[in-house]
Amino acid sequence: MVAGVDQGHEVPIHGEINTISGGFSGGGFTASQQKKYAREVMVVEVREEDNTPDVDLVFTKVDR
């Protein structure tokens, strides 16, 4: 094996994966826009569960 010489892959490559690195990734270009975006995505909405049991109302002849 010679240093710097590509020996290739043992398994043939069956396709390409194209990627984009750097640049805009959300939030804005300025530091203040990025901070605002970070604050917005870090907000977790808390919802209280309704633990009230579902009850069927039943009427009888006596209730008339």
Protein backbone atom coordinates (compact mmCIF):
# COMPACT_ATOMS: atom_id res chain seq x y z
CA MET A 1 0.00 0.00 0.00
CA VAL A 2 1.47 3.34 -1.09
CA ALA A 3 0.79 6.42 1.06
CA GLY A 4 -1.50 8.93 -0.63
CA VAL A 5 -2.89 6.46 -3.17
CA ASP A 6 -6.65 5.82 -2.98
CA GLN A 7 -7.29 2.09 -2.84
CA GLY A 8 -11.04 2.48 -3.35
CA HIS A 9 -13.91 1.01 -1.41
CA GLU A 10 -14.43 -2.65 -0.61
CA VAL A 11 -18.16 -2.18 -1.28
CA PRO A 12 -19.11 -0.25 -4.42
CA ILE A 13 -20.83 3.10 -3.89
CA HIS A 14 -24.45 2.91 -5.08
CA GLY A 15 -25.36 6.59 -5.06
CA GLU A 16 -24.48 10.06 -3.93
CA ILE A 17 -25.47 12.05 -0.86
CA ASN A 18 -25.33 15.76 -1.54
CA THR A 19 -24.96 18.06 1.46
CA ILE A 20 -24.86 21.77 2.10
CA SER A 21 -22.58 23.08 4.82
CA GLY A 22 -22.30 26.55 6.25
CA GLY A 23 -24.46 29.52 5.51
CA PHE A 24 -27.96 30.30 6.65
CA SER A 25 -29.52 27.63 8.84
CA GLY A 26 -32.46 29.49 10.32
CA GLY A 27 -32.87 32.33 12.71
CA GLY A 28 -31.41 35.10 10.65
CA PHE A 29 -28.10 36.55 9.63
CA THR A 30 -27.43 38.83 12.60
CA ALA A 31 -26.62 37.77 16.15
CA SER A 32 -29.79 39.38 17.49
CA GLN A 33 -31.96 37.52 14.95
CA GLN A 34 -30.27 34.23 15.84
CA LYS A 35 -30.76 34.83 19.58
CA LYS A 36 -34.45 35.65 19.02
CA TYR A 37 -34.89 32.48 16.96
CA ALA A 38 -33.12 30.39 19.63
CA ARG A 39 -35.42 31.78 22.34
CA GLU A 40 -38.50 30.97 20.24
CA VAL A 41 -37.54 27.35 19.52
CA MET A 42 -36.57 26.70 23.14
CA VAL A 43 -40.06 27.59 24.43
CA VAL A 44 -41.93 24.54 25.66
CA GLU A 45 -45.68 24.86 25.92
CA VAL A 46 -47.05 23.30 29.08
CA ARG A 47 -50.58 21.99 28.92
CA GLU A 48 -52.46 20.75 31.91
CA GLU A 49 -54.28 17.51 31.36
CA ASP A 50 -57.99 17.32 32.01
CA ASN A 51 -58.28 14.43 34.45
CA THR A 52 -62.06 14.75 34.70
CA PRO A 53 -63.56 11.32 34.07
CA ASP A 54 -66.02 10.98 31.21
CA VAL A 55 -69.45 10.35 32.71
CA ASP A 56 -72.53 9.34 30.77
CA LEU A 57 -75.70 11.07 31.95
CA VAL A 58 -78.57 8.64 32.39
CA PHE A 59 -82.15 9.76 32.92
CA THR A 60 -84.91 7.56 34.20
CA LYS A 61 -88.70 7.93 34.30
CA VAL A 62 -88.41 9.39 37.79
CA ASP A 63 -86.46 12.35 36.41
CA ARG A 64 -89.38 13.53 34.24
